[in-house]
C-alpha atoms as a PDB file:
ATOM      1  CA  UNK A   1     168.702  44.514 -11.502  1.00  0.00           C
ATOM      2  CA  UNK A   2     165.615  46.634 -11.910  1.00  0.00           C
ATOM      3  CA  UNK A   3     165.325  48.299 -15.301  1.00  0.00           C
ATOM      4  CA  UNK A   4     165.253  52.053 -14.974  1.00  0.00           C
ATOM      5  CA  UNK A   5     162.438  53.636 -16.995  1.00  0.00           C
ATOM      6  CA  UNK A   6     163.288  56.901 -18.728  1.00  0.00           C
ATOM      7  CA  UNK A   7     161.914  59.965 -16.940  1.00  0.00           C
ATOM      8  CA  UNK A   8     159.558  61.087 -19.760  1.00  0.00           C
ATOM      9  CA  UNK A   9     158.194  57.529 -20.059  1.00  0.00           C
ATOM     10  CA  UNK A  10     157.521  57.410 -16.299  1.00  0.00           C
ATOM     11  CA  UNK A  11     155.718  60.765 -16.350  1.00  0.00           C
ATOM     12  CA  UNK A  12     153.584  59.694 -19.288  1.00  0.00           C
ATOM     13  CA  UNK A  13     152.718  56.398 -17.664  1.00  0.00           C
ATOM     14  CA  UNK A  14     151.848  58.108 -14.398  1.00  0.00           C
ATOM     15  CA  UNK A  15     149.719  60.630 -16.222  1.00  0.00           C
ATOM     16  CA  UNK A  16     147.927  57.837 -18.052  1.00  0.00           C
ATOM     17  CA  UNK A  17     147.252  56.010 -14.791  1.00  0.00           C
ATOM     18  CA  UNK A  18     146.053  59.190 -13.204  1.00  0.00           C
ATOM     19  CA  UNK A  19     143.665  59.877 -16.097  1.00  0.00           C
ATOM     20  CA  UNK A  20     142.386  56.309 -15.931  1.00  0.00           C
ATOM     21  CA  UNK A  21     141.824  56.560 -12.188  1.00  0.00           C
ATOM     22  CA  UNK A  22     140.070  59.862 -12.643  1.00  0.00           C
ATOM     23  CA  UNK A  23     137.776  58.376 -15.252  1.00  0.00           C
ATOM     24  CA  UNK A  24     136.827  55.564 -12.885  1.00  0.00           C
ATOM     25  CA  UNK A  25     136.147  58.048 -10.068  1.00  0.00           C
ATOM     26  CA  UNK A  26     134.118  60.263 -12.368  1.00  0.00           C
ATOM     27  CA  UNK A  27     132.058  57.296 -13.544  1.00  0.00           C
ATOM     28  CA  UNK A  28     131.410  56.373  -9.922  1.00  0.00           C
ATOM     29  CA  UNK A  29     130.235  59.934  -9.164  1.00  0.00           C
ATOM     30  CA  UNK A  30     132.985  60.531  -6.598  1.00  0.00           C
ATOM     31  CA  UNK A  31     134.328  63.758  -8.100  1.00  0.00           C
ATOM     32  CA  UNK A  32     132.728  66.491 -10.150  1.00  0.00           C
ATOM     33  CA  UNK A  33     133.360  66.661 -13.853  1.00  0.00           C
ATOM     34  CA  UNK A  34     135.781  69.380 -14.934  1.00  0.00           C
ATOM     35  CA  UNK A  35     135.717  71.386 -18.133  1.00  0.00           C
ATOM     36  CA  UNK A  36     138.315  70.340 -20.652  1.00  0.00           C
ATOM     37  CA  UNK A  37     139.584  73.908 -20.876  1.00  0.00           C
ATOM     38  CA  UNK A  38     139.678  76.527 -18.126  1.00  0.00           C
ATOM     39  CA  UNK A  39     136.499  78.639 -18.070  1.00  0.00           C
ATOM     40  CA  UNK A  40     136.924  82.385 -18.471  1.00  0.00           C
ATOM     41  CA  UNK A  41     135.247  84.019 -15.460  1.00  0.00           C
ATOM     42  CA  UNK A  42     133.726  87.406 -16.307  1.00  0.00           C
ATOM     43  CA  UNK A  43     134.324  90.041 -13.652  1.00  0.00           C
ATOM     44  CA  UNK A  44     131.274  90.769 -11.490  1.00  0.00           C
ATOM     45  CA  UNK A  45     129.546  93.997 -12.533  1.00  0.00           C
ATOM     46  CA  UNK A  46     130.316  96.918 -10.282  1.00  0.00           C
ATOM     47  CA  UNK A  47     127.399  97.726  -7.967  1.00  0.00           C
ATOM     48  CA  UNK A  48     125.357 100.683  -9.093  1.00  0.00           C
ATOM     49  CA  UNK A  49     125.716 103.674  -6.832  1.00  0.00           C
ATOM     50  CA  UNK A  50     122.690 104.300  -4.663  1.00  0.00           C
ATOM     51  CA  UNK A  51     120.505 107.044  -6.071  1.00  0.00           C
ATOM     52  CA  UNK A  52     119.604 109.555  -3.401  1.00  0.00           C
ATOM     53  CA  UNK A  53     115.893 110.164  -3.168  1.00  0.00           C
ATOM     54  CA  UNK A  54     115.031 113.575  -4.538  1.00  0.00           C
ATOM     55  CA  UNK A  55     113.837 116.015  -1.921  1.00  0.00           C
ATOM     56  CA  UNK A  56     110.281 117.277  -2.369  1.00  0.00           C
ATOM     57  CA  UNK A  57     109.574 120.722  -3.844  1.00  0.00           C
ATOM     58  CA  UNK A  58     110.365 123.894  -1.920  1.00  0.00           C
ATOM     59  CA  UNK A  59     107.947 126.829  -1.892  1.00  0.00           C
ATOM     60  CA  UNK A  60     107.900 130.088   0.040  1.00  0.00           C
ATOM     61  CA  UNK A  61     105.325 131.660   2.338  1.00  0.00           C
ATOM     62  CA  UNK A  62     104.418 135.347   2.277  1.00  0.00           C
ATOM     63  CA  UNK A  63     104.359 137.377   5.479  1.00  0.00           C
ATOM     64  CA  UNK A  64     100.853 138.760   6.005  1.00  0.00           C
ATOM     65  CA  UNK A  65     101.238 140.579   9.315  1.00  0.00           C
ATOM     66  CA  UNK A  66     103.598 140.892  12.256  1.00  0.00           C
ATOM     67  CA  UNK A  67     102.811 141.727  15.871  1.00  0.00           C
ATOM     68  CA  UNK A  68     104.961 142.806  18.769  1.00  0.00           C
ATOM     69  CA  UNK A  69     104.767 140.122  21.449  1.00  0.00           C
ATOM     70  CA  UNK A  70     106.987 140.629  24.482  1.00  0.00           C
ATOM     71  CA  UNK A  71     106.879 136.945  25.531  1.00  0.00           C
ATOM     72  CA  UNK A  72     107.241 135.335  22.101  1.00  0.00           C
ATOM     73  CA  UNK A  73     109.678 132.628  23.102  1.00  0.00           C
ATOM     74  CA  UNK A  74     108.204 129.167  22.484  1.00  0.00           C
ATOM     75  CA  UNK A  75     105.140 129.164  20.254  1.00  0.00           C
ATOM     76  CA  UNK A  76     101.715 130.509  19.396  1.00  0.00           C
ATOM     77  CA  UNK A  77      98.066 129.408  19.307  1.00  0.00           C
ATOM     78  CA  UNK A  78      95.222 131.102  17.451  1.00  0.00           C
ATOM     79  CA  UNK A  79      91.429 131.231  17.151  1.00  0.00           C
ATOM     80  CA  UNK A  80      89.001 133.476  15.256  1.00  0.00           C
ATOM     81  CA  UNK A  81      89.601 136.664  17.258  1.00  0.00           C
ATOM     82  CA  UNK A  82      92.740 136.151  19.317  1.00  0.00           C
ATOM     83  CA  UNK A  83      96.236 134.767  19.274  1.00  0.00           C
ATOM     84  CA  UNK A  84      98.035 133.363  22.318  1.00  0.00           C
ATOM     85  CA  UNK A  85     101.789 133.704  22.702  1.00  0.00           C
ATOM     86  CA  UNK A  86     103.505 130.946  24.655  1.00  0.00           C
ATOM     87  CA  UNK A  87     106.537 131.404  26.885  1.00  0.00           C
ATOM     88  CA  UNK A  88     108.088 128.884  29.297  1.00  0.00           C
ATOM     89  CA  UNK A  89     105.785 129.750  32.212  1.00  0.00           C
ATOM     90  CA  UNK A  90     103.250 132.129  30.694  1.00  0.00           C
ATOM     91  CA  UNK A  91     100.646 132.424  27.937  1.00  0.00           C
ATOM     92  CA  UNK A  92      99.459 135.873  26.840  1.00  0.00           C
ATOM     93  CA  UNK A  93      96.164 136.445  25.012  1.00  0.00           C
ATOM     94  CA  UNK A  94      96.304 139.139  22.287  1.00  0.00           C
ATOM     95  CA  UNK A  95      93.623 140.864  20.244  1.00  0.00           C
ATOM     96  CA  UNK A  96      94.186 139.800  16.639  1.00  0.00           C
ATOM     97  CA  UNK A  97      92.816 143.074  15.232  1.00  0.00           C
ATOM     98  CA  UNK A  98      95.121 145.372  17.217  1.00  0.00           C
ATOM     99  CA  UNK A  99      97.810 143.085  18.623  1.00  0.00           C
ATOM    100  CA  UNK A 100      97.093 144.449  22.099  1.00  0.00           C
ATOM    101  CA  UNK A 101      97.738 142.031  24.997  1.00  0.00           C
ATOM    102  CA  UNK A 102      94.566 141.387  26.996  1.00  0.00           C
ATOM    103  CA  UNK A 103      95.113 138.671  29.607  1.00  0.00           C
ATOM    104  CA  UNK A 104      98.004 136.515  30.761  1.00  0.00           C
ATOM    105  CA  UNK A 105      98.378 133.246  32.604  1.00  0.00           C
ATOM    106  CA  UNK A 106     101.629 133.426  34.571  1.00  0.00           C
ATOM    107  CA  UNK A 107     103.110 130.679  36.720  1.00  0.00           C
ATOM    108  CA  UNK A 108     105.417 131.265  39.665  1.00  0.00           C
ATOM    109  CA  UNK A 109     108.979 130.129  39.096  1.00  0.00           C
ATOM    110  CA  UNK A 110     108.687 127.532  41.843  1.00  0.00           C
ATOM    111  CA  UNK A 111     105.393 126.135  40.577  1.00  0.00           C
ATOM    112  CA  UNK A 112     104.682 122.952  38.638  1.00  0.00           C
ATOM    113  CA  UNK A 113     104.698 124.721  35.247  1.00  0.00           C
ATOM    114  CA  UNK A 114     108.268 124.481  33.934  1.00  0.00           C
ATOM    115  CA  UNK A 115     108.428 124.512  30.131  1.00  0.00           C
ATOM    116  CA  UNK A 116     105.348 125.320  28.029  1.00  0.00           C
ATOM    117  CA  UNK A 117     106.168 124.748  24.363  1.00  0.00           C
ATOM    118  CA  UNK A 118     103.135 125.453  22.180  1.00  0.00           C
ATOM    119  CA  UNK A 119      99.348 125.380  22.182  1.00  0.00           C
ATOM    120  CA  UNK A 120      96.178 124.740  20.210  1.00  0.00           C
ATOM    121  CA  UNK A 121      92.696 126.172  20.695  1.00  0.00           C
ATOM    122  CA  UNK A 122      89.814 123.681  20.549  1.00  0.00           C
ATOM    123  CA  UNK A 123      86.432 125.226  21.350  1.00  0.00           C
ATOM    124  CA  UNK A 124      86.947 127.564  24.309  1.00  0.00           C
ATOM    125  CA  UNK A 125      89.939 125.656  25.658  1.00  0.00           C
ATOM    126  CA  UNK A 126      93.618 126.177  24.985  1.00  0.00           C
ATOM    127  CA  UNK A 127      95.599 122.928  25.244  1.00  0.00           C
ATOM    128  CA  UNK A 128      99.295 123.560  25.883  1.00  0.00           C
ATOM    129  CA  UNK A 129     102.183 121.110  25.517  1.00  0.00           C
ATOM    130  CA  UNK A 130     104.305 121.061  28.659  1.00  0.00           C
ATOM    131  CA  UNK A 131     107.481 119.273  29.789  1.00  0.00           C
ATOM    132  CA  UNK A 132     110.274 119.484  32.348  1.00  0.00           C
ATOM    133  CA  UNK A 133     112.877 120.215  29.636  1.00  0.00           C
ATOM    134  CA  UNK A 134     115.832 119.975  30.064  1.00  0.00           C
ATOM    135  CA  UNK A 135     115.671 117.906  33.243  1.00  0.00           C
ATOM    136  CA  UNK A 136     116.042 114.112  33.277  1.00  0.00           C
ATOM    137  CA  UNK A 137     114.216 111.838  33.039  1.00  0.00           C
ATOM    138  CA  UNK A 138     111.853 113.524  30.607  1.00  0.00           C
ATOM    139  CA  UNK A 139     108.347 114.222  31.929  1.00  0.00           C
ATOM    140  CA  UNK A 140     105.414 115.593  29.939  1.00  0.00           C
ATOM    141  CA  UNK A 141     101.874 116.820  30.467  1.00  0.00           C
ATOM    142  CA  UNK A 142      99.024 118.656  28.772  1.00  0.00           C
ATOM    143  CA  UNK A 143      97.901 121.832  30.533  1.00  0.00           C
ATOM    144  CA  UNK A 144      94.440 123.208  29.727  1.00  0.00           C
ATOM    145  CA  UNK A 145      93.260 126.833  29.972  1.00  0.00           C
ATOM    146  CA  UNK A 146      89.935 128.631  29.565  1.00  0.00           C
ATOM    147  CA  UNK A 147      90.493 131.023  26.651  1.00  0.00           C
ATOM    148  CA  UNK A 148      87.972 133.549  28.024  1.00  0.00           C
ATOM    149  CA  UNK A 149      89.578 133.919  31.457  1.00  0.00           C
ATOM    150  CA  UNK A 150      93.057 132.389  30.864  1.00  0.00           C
ATOM    151  CA  UNK A 151      92.604 130.384  34.055  1.00  0.00           C
ATOM    152  CA  UNK A 152      94.208 126.958  34.291  1.00  0.00           C
ATOM    153  CA  UNK A 153      91.337 124.435  34.364  1.00  0.00           C
ATOM    154  CA  UNK A 154      92.731 120.944  33.771  1.00  0.00           C
ATOM    155  CA  UNK A 155      95.866 118.829  33.477  1.00  0.00           C
ATOM    156  CA  UNK A 156      96.760 115.454  32.005  1.00  0.00           C
ATOM    157  CA  UNK A 157     100.092 113.834  32.840  1.00  0.00           C
ATOM    158  CA  UNK A 158     102.064 111.420  30.642  1.00  0.00           C
ATOM    159  CA  UNK A 159     104.702 111.033  33.328  1.00  0.00           C
ATOM    160  CA  UNK A 160     107.942 109.587  31.944  1.00  0.00           C
ATOM    161  CA  UNK A 161     107.013 108.782  28.362  1.00  0.00           C
ATOM    162  CA  UNK A 162     108.412 108.907  24.788  1.00  0.00           C
ATOM    163  CA  UNK A 163     110.304 112.174  25.139  1.00  0.00           C
ATOM    164  CA  UNK A 164     109.427 115.821  25.742  1.00  0.00           C
ATOM    165  CA  UNK A 165     105.953 116.849  24.586  1.00  0.00           C
ATOM    166  CA  UNK A 166     106.462 119.853  22.277  1.00  0.00           C
ATOM    167  CA  UNK A 167     103.159 120.231  20.393  1.00  0.00           C
ATOM    168  CA  UNK A 168      99.550 119.068  20.397  1.00  0.00           C
ATOM    169  CA  UNK A 169      96.747 119.340  17.838  1.00  0.00           C
ATOM    170  CA  UNK A 170      93.234 118.048  17.179  1.00  0.00           C
ATOM    171  CA  UNK A 171      92.559 116.468  13.775  1.00  0.00           C
ATOM    172  CA  UNK A 172      90.214 113.898  12.254  1.00  0.00           C
ATOM    173  CA  UNK A 173      88.567 112.997  15.554  1.00  0.00           C
ATOM    174  CA  UNK A 174      91.827 112.387  17.417  1.00  0.00           C
ATOM    175  CA  UNK A 175      94.623 114.158  19.269  1.00  0.00           C
ATOM    176  CA  UNK A 176      98.087 114.330  17.725  1.00  0.00           C
ATOM    177  CA  UNK A 177     101.308 115.102  19.561  1.00  0.00           C
ATOM    178  CA  UNK A 178     105.035 115.464  19.040  1.00  0.00           C
ATOM    179  CA  UNK A 179     107.438 113.886  21.523  1.00  0.00           C
ATOM    180  CA  UNK A 180     110.883 115.354  20.950  1.00  0.00           C
ATOM    181  CA  UNK A 181     114.288 113.881  21.711  1.00  0.00           C
ATOM    182  CA  UNK A 182     117.601 115.679  21.301  1.00  0.00           C
ATOM    183  CA  UNK A 183     121.233 115.128  20.367  1.00  0.00           C
ATOM    184  CA  UNK A 184     122.060 118.071  22.604  1.00  0.00           C
ATOM    185  CA  UNK A 185     123.692 117.219  25.926  1.00  0.00           C
ATOM    186  CA  UNK A 186     121.887 118.970  28.761  1.00  0.00           C
ATOM    187  CA  UNK A 187     123.806 121.035  31.283  1.00  0.00           C
ATOM    188  CA  UNK A 188     125.486 118.735  33.759  1.00  0.00           C
ATOM    189  CA  UNK A 189     124.834 115.649  31.609  1.00  0.00           C
ATOM    190  CA  UNK A 190     127.135 113.357  29.679  1.00  0.00           C
ATOM    191  CA  UNK A 191     124.698 111.697  27.261  1.00  0.00           C
ATOM    192  CA  UNK A 192     122.476 113.115  24.491  1.00  0.00           C
ATOM    193  CA  UNK A 193     119.034 114.159  25.711  1.00  0.00           C
ATOM    194  CA  UNK A 194     117.177 111.229  24.164  1.00  0.00           C
ATOM    195  CA  UNK A 195     118.814 111.380  20.663  1.00  0.00           C
ATOM    196  CA  UNK A 196     117.020 113.258  17.875  1.00  0.00           C
ATOM    197  CA  UNK A 197     116.304 110.119  15.808  1.00  0.00           C
ATOM    198  CA  UNK A 198     113.970 108.910  18.582  1.00  0.00           C
ATOM    199  CA  UNK A 199     111.549 111.809  18.002  1.00  0.00           C
ATOM    200  CA  UNK A 200     107.986 110.600  17.296  1.00  0.00           C
ATOM    201  CA  UNK A 201     104.586 111.824  16.136  1.00  0.00           C
ATOM    202  CA  UNK A 202     101.852 110.116  18.150  1.00  0.00           C
ATOM    203  CA  UNK A 203      98.104 109.761  17.572  1.00  0.00           C
ATOM    204  CA  UNK A 204      96.022 109.720  20.772  1.00  0.00           C
ATOM    205  CA  UNK A 205      92.390 108.981  21.567  1.00  0.00           C
ATOM    206  CA  UNK A 206      90.094 111.230  23.605  1.00  0.00           C
ATOM    207  CA  UNK A 207      91.654 109.882  26.824  1.00  0.00           C
ATOM    208  CA  UNK A 208      95.148 110.676  25.498  1.00  0.00           C
ATOM    209  CA  UNK A 209      95.976 106.989  25.134  1.00  0.00           C
ATOM    210  CA  UNK A 210      98.322 106.072  22.267  1.00  0.00           C
ATOM    211  CA  UNK A 211      96.610 104.741  19.139  1.00  0.00           C
ATOM    212  CA  UNK A 212      99.538 104.839  16.667  1.00  0.00           C
ATOM    213  CA  UNK A 213     102.963 106.435  16.292  1.00  0.00           C
ATOM    214  CA  UNK A 214     105.239 107.430  13.417  1.00  0.00           C
ATOM    215  CA  UNK A 215     108.814 108.574  12.920  1.00  0.00           C
ATOM    216  CA  UNK A 216     109.970 111.650  11.007  1.00  0.00           C
ATOM    217  CA  UNK A 217     112.127 111.172   7.876  1.00  0.00           C
ATOM    218  CA  UNK A 218     115.821 111.206   8.766  1.00  0.00           C
ATOM    219  CA  UNK A 219     116.743 114.017   6.295  1.00  0.00           C
ATOM    220  CA  UNK A 220     114.384 116.273   8.276  1.00  0.00           C
ATOM    221  CA  UNK A 221     115.752 115.074  11.618  1.00  0.00           C
ATOM    222  CA  UNK A 222     119.248 115.848  10.312  1.00  0.00           C
ATOM    223  CA  UNK A 223     118.104 119.448   9.867  1.00  0.00           C
ATOM    224  CA  UNK A 224     116.694 119.481  13.408  1.00  0.00           C
ATOM    225  CA  UNK A 225     119.805 118.138  15.147  1.00  0.00           C
ATOM    226  CA  UNK A 226     121.172 118.770  17.744  1.00  0.00           C
ATOM    227  CA  UNK A 227     117.677 119.975  18.708  1.00  0.00           C
ATOM    228  CA  UNK A 228     114.382 118.438  17.600  1.00  0.00           C
ATOM    229  CA  UNK A 229     110.794 118.892  16.410  1.00  0.00           C
ATOM    230  CA  UNK A 230     109.380 122.004  18.104  1.00  0.00           C
ATOM    231  CA  UNK A 231     106.115 122.704  16.298  1.00  0.00           C
ATOM    232  CA  UNK A 232     103.316 120.777  14.627  1.00  0.00           C
ATOM    233  CA  UNK A 233      99.886 121.640  13.229  1.00  0.00           C
ATOM    234  CA  UNK A 234      97.481 119.973  10.800  1.00  0.00           C
ATOM    235  CA  UNK A 235      96.895 122.234   7.822  1.00  0.00           C
ATOM    236  CA  UNK A 236      93.776 123.023   5.770  1.00  0.00           C
ATOM    237  CA  UNK A 237      95.208 120.642   3.155  1.00  0.00           C
ATOM    238  CA  UNK A 238      94.797 117.672   5.512  1.00  0.00           C
ATOM    239  CA  UNK A 239      98.553 117.276   5.934  1.00  0.00           C
ATOM    240  CA  UNK A 240     100.798 117.630   8.956  1.00  0.00           C
ATOM    241  CA  UNK A 241     103.136 120.625   9.105  1.00  0.00           C
ATOM    242  CA  UNK A 242     106.221 120.381  11.320  1.00  0.00           C
ATOM    243  CA  UNK A 243     108.952 122.818  12.325  1.00  0.00           C
ATOM    244  CA  UNK A 244     112.264 122.485  14.088  1.00  0.00           C
ATOM    245  CA  UNK A 245     113.926 124.547  16.777  1.00  0.00           C
ATOM    246  CA  UNK A 246     116.001 126.904  14.627  1.00  0.00           C
ATOM    247  CA  UNK A 247     115.313 126.941  10.867  1.00  0.00           C
ATOM    248  CA  UNK A 248     112.809 129.152   9.069  1.00  0.00           C
ATOM    249  CA  UNK A 249     111.025 126.391   7.194  1.00  0.00           C
ATOM    250  CA  UNK A 250     108.049 124.087   7.647  1.00  0.00           C
ATOM    251  CA  UNK A 251     107.971 120.483   6.448  1.00  0.00           C
ATOM    252  CA  UNK A 252     104.764 119.146   4.942  1.00  0.00           C
ATOM    253  CA  UNK A 253     104.067 115.476   5.621  1.00  0.00           C
ATOM    254  CA  UNK A 254     101.316 112.934   5.178  1.00  0.00           C
ATOM    255  CA  UNK A 255     100.614 109.569   6.739  1.00  0.00           C
ATOM    256  CA  UNK A 256     102.346 106.746   4.846  1.00  0.00           C
ATOM    257  CA  UNK A 257     100.492 104.045   2.913  1.00  0.00           C
ATOM    258  CA  UNK A 258     102.641 101.491   4.766  1.00  0.00           C
ATOM    259  CA  UNK A 259     105.424 101.475   7.307  1.00  0.00           C
ATOM    260  CA  UNK A 260     106.170 103.740  10.243  1.00  0.00           C
ATOM    261  CA  UNK A 261     107.808 106.793   8.647  1.00  0.00           C
ATOM    262  CA  UNK A 262     105.814 109.876   7.674  1.00  0.00           C
ATOM    263  CA  UNK A 263     106.022 110.812   3.996  1.00  0.00           C
ATOM    264  CA  UNK A 264     107.684 114.148   3.220  1.00  0.00           C
ATOM    265  CA  UNK A 265     105.840 115.889   0.373  1.00  0.00           C
ATOM    266  CA  UNK A 266     107.038 119.499   0.516  1.00  0.00           C
ATOM    267  CA  UNK A 267     108.949 122.249   2.293  1.00  0.00           C
ATOM    268  CA  UNK A 268     107.802 125.842   2.766  1.00  0.00           C
ATOM    269  CA  UNK A 269     110.300 128.532   3.723  1.00  0.00           C
ATOM    270  CA  UNK A 270     109.097 131.032   6.334  1.00  0.00           C
ATOM    271  CA  UNK A 271     111.101 134.246   5.863  1.00  0.00           C
ATOM    272  CA  UNK A 272     112.326 135.724   9.141  1.00  0.00           C
ATOM    273  CA  UNK A 273     111.317 132.725  11.279  1.00  0.00           C
ATOM    274  CA  UNK A 274     113.704 130.947  13.654  1.00  0.00           C
ATOM    275  CA  UNK A 275     111.861 127.675  14.171  1.00  0.00           C
ATOM    276  CA  UNK A 276     109.661 127.025  17.246  1.00  0.00           C
ATOM    277  CA  UNK A 277     105.928 126.377  17.594  1.00  0.00           C
ATOM    278  CA  UNK A 278     103.365 126.956  14.840  1.00  0.00           C
ATOM    279  CA  UNK A 279      99.568 127.018  14.554  1.00  0.00           C
ATOM    280  CA  UNK A 280      97.220 126.986  11.577  1.00  0.00           C
ATOM    281  CA  UNK A 281      94.366 129.492  11.554  1.00  0.00           C
ATOM    282  CA  UNK A 282      91.734 127.514   9.651  1.00  0.00           C
ATOM    283  CA  UNK A 283      89.718 129.667   7.270  1.00  0.00           C
ATOM    284  CA  UNK A 284      89.445 127.609   4.087  1.00  0.00           C
ATOM    285  CA  UNK A 285      91.421 129.076   1.207  1.00  0.00           C
ATOM    286  CA  UNK A 286      92.260 132.111   3.404  1.00  0.00           C
ATOM    287  CA  UNK A 287      93.917 130.007   6.105  1.00  0.00           C
ATOM    288  CA  UNK A 288      97.057 131.459   7.664  1.00  0.00           C
ATOM    289  CA  UNK A 289     100.041 129.836   9.328  1.00  0.00           C
ATOM    290  CA  UNK A 290     101.136 131.503  12.560  1.00  0.00           C
ATOM    291  CA  UNK A 291     104.557 131.386  14.184  1.00  0.00           C
ATOM    292  CA  UNK A 292     106.942 133.515  16.255  1.00  0.00           C
ATOM    293  CA  UNK A 293     110.412 135.016  16.101  1.00  0.00           C
ATOM    294  CA  UNK A 294     112.190 134.831  19.427  1.00  0.00           C
ATOM    295  CA  UNK A 295     115.066 137.229  18.711  1.00  0.00           C
ATOM    296  CA  UNK A 296     112.732 140.148  17.928  1.00  0.00           C
ATOM    297  CA  UNK A 297     109.797 139.137  20.199  1.00  0.00           C
ATOM    298  CA  UNK A 298     107.228 139.021  17.410  1.00  0.00           C
ATOM    299  CA  UNK A 299     104.318 136.880  16.235  1.00  0.00           C
ATOM    300  CA  UNK A 300     103.793 136.404  12.487  1.00  0.00           C
ATOM    301  CA  UNK A 301     100.994 135.239  10.230  1.00  0.00           C
ATOM    302  CA  UNK A 302     101.772 133.902   6.746  1.00  0.00           C
ATOM    303  CA  UNK A 303      99.916 133.153   3.568  1.00  0.00           C
ATOM    304  CA  UNK A 304     101.122 129.732   2.448  1.00  0.00           C
ATOM    305  CA  UNK A 305     100.767 128.164  -1.036  1.00  0.00           C
ATOM    306  CA  UNK A 306      99.569 124.859   0.409  1.00  0.00           C
ATOM    307  CA  UNK A 307      97.382 124.102  -2.624  1.00  0.00           C
ATOM    308  CA  UNK A 308     100.488 124.102  -4.830  1.00  0.00           C
ATOM    309  CA  UNK A 309     101.992 121.112  -3.024  1.00  0.00           C
ATOM    310  CA  UNK A 310     100.976 117.895  -4.760  1.00  0.00           C
ATOM    311  CA  UNK A 311     101.103 114.472  -3.156  1.00  0.00           C
ATOM    312  CA  UNK A 312     103.407 112.000  -4.948  1.00  0.00           C
ATOM    313  CA  UNK A 313     101.563 109.581  -7.234  1.00  0.00           C
ATOM    314  CA  UNK A 314     104.381 107.152  -8.092  1.00  0.00           C
ATOM    315  CA  UNK A 315     103.380 103.613  -7.009  1.00  0.00           C
ATOM    316  CA  UNK A 316     105.668 102.042  -4.433  1.00  0.00           C
ATOM    317  CA  UNK A 317     104.715  98.410  -5.053  1.00  0.00           C
ATOM    318  CA  UNK A 318     103.071  96.099  -7.562  1.00  0.00           C
ATOM    319  CA  UNK A 319     101.444  92.668  -7.722  1.00  0.00           C
ATOM    320  CA  UNK A 320     103.164  90.281 -10.155  1.00  0.00           C
ATOM    321  CA  UNK A 321     101.818  87.211 -11.919  1.00  0.00           C
ATOM    322  CA  UNK A 322     103.577  83.994 -13.017  1.00  0.00           C
ATOM    323  CA  UNK A 323     106.483  84.652 -15.349  1.00  0.00           C
ATOM    324  CA  UNK A 324     107.078  88.095 -13.818  1.00  0.00           C
ATOM    325  CA  UNK A 325     108.026  87.173 -10.261  1.00  0.00           C
ATOM    326  CA  UNK A 326     111.117  88.879  -8.884  1.00  0.00           C
ATOM    327  CA  UNK A 327     113.815  86.319  -8.066  1.00  0.00           C
END
């Protein structure tokens, strides 16, 4: 008869055999060594909440003068003696001293001019941004006028491109343009008209070929939506000023030191303005920013505290030596 081992003795013997077998396996490197007592695992630190980037400073412009302008609907251009009010199919030349309208380019409703958006005067030519808004697919062109006669003298077509051309300017030996896209759904459509986040600022050479392109910071695009970037003009401070379709404020940006997004350095409120096209009148420290107000059919000029807007100086990267490398 087999002798029955007491239960506690069997458990102890089994435990001893198990420990011995474990020691052999450990010596052979077959299993990892275990701590003699359970390790206390500290809870992982809670992730730090993301710190929202502070918005740049906000300043306010001062209205210098207002003008009645019966076709103030899209934007404005300006030179030393005149300002030019832009409507969908017309551009009217006004005497800056009196505000009196002098000449007008006017397109027939069935003609190729559909949606003029803004303009810039370079020499004796007015270059106007033009698109087929809000038809699909988006088509854009630059339409050129003689400022003395207001006759149409030249055209350059982008065809179907990066969006709807809304503004054009000349700066630092190159052309600059805004191609707008929209979250708005056009009449008869089912999809957003390009989506606002796809809006771009594009640098062009003298043949209007793309050299570089940048995006606009998303917090600004959020203010534009469901519309988009309507106006753009390089200021006397060497920075790019942009406006949206509806709000009375201009956003001051500079080219980034790296990456593809423009750097937002300031905002200037424009009392009484309802967005749309803008144009800088360059006159050194006496430079004025021009815009329109559609609801009252007026053109405005503003004194802007552009010299009070400082560029950020905080470094965005560093070079590290041995012992300081980020892991």
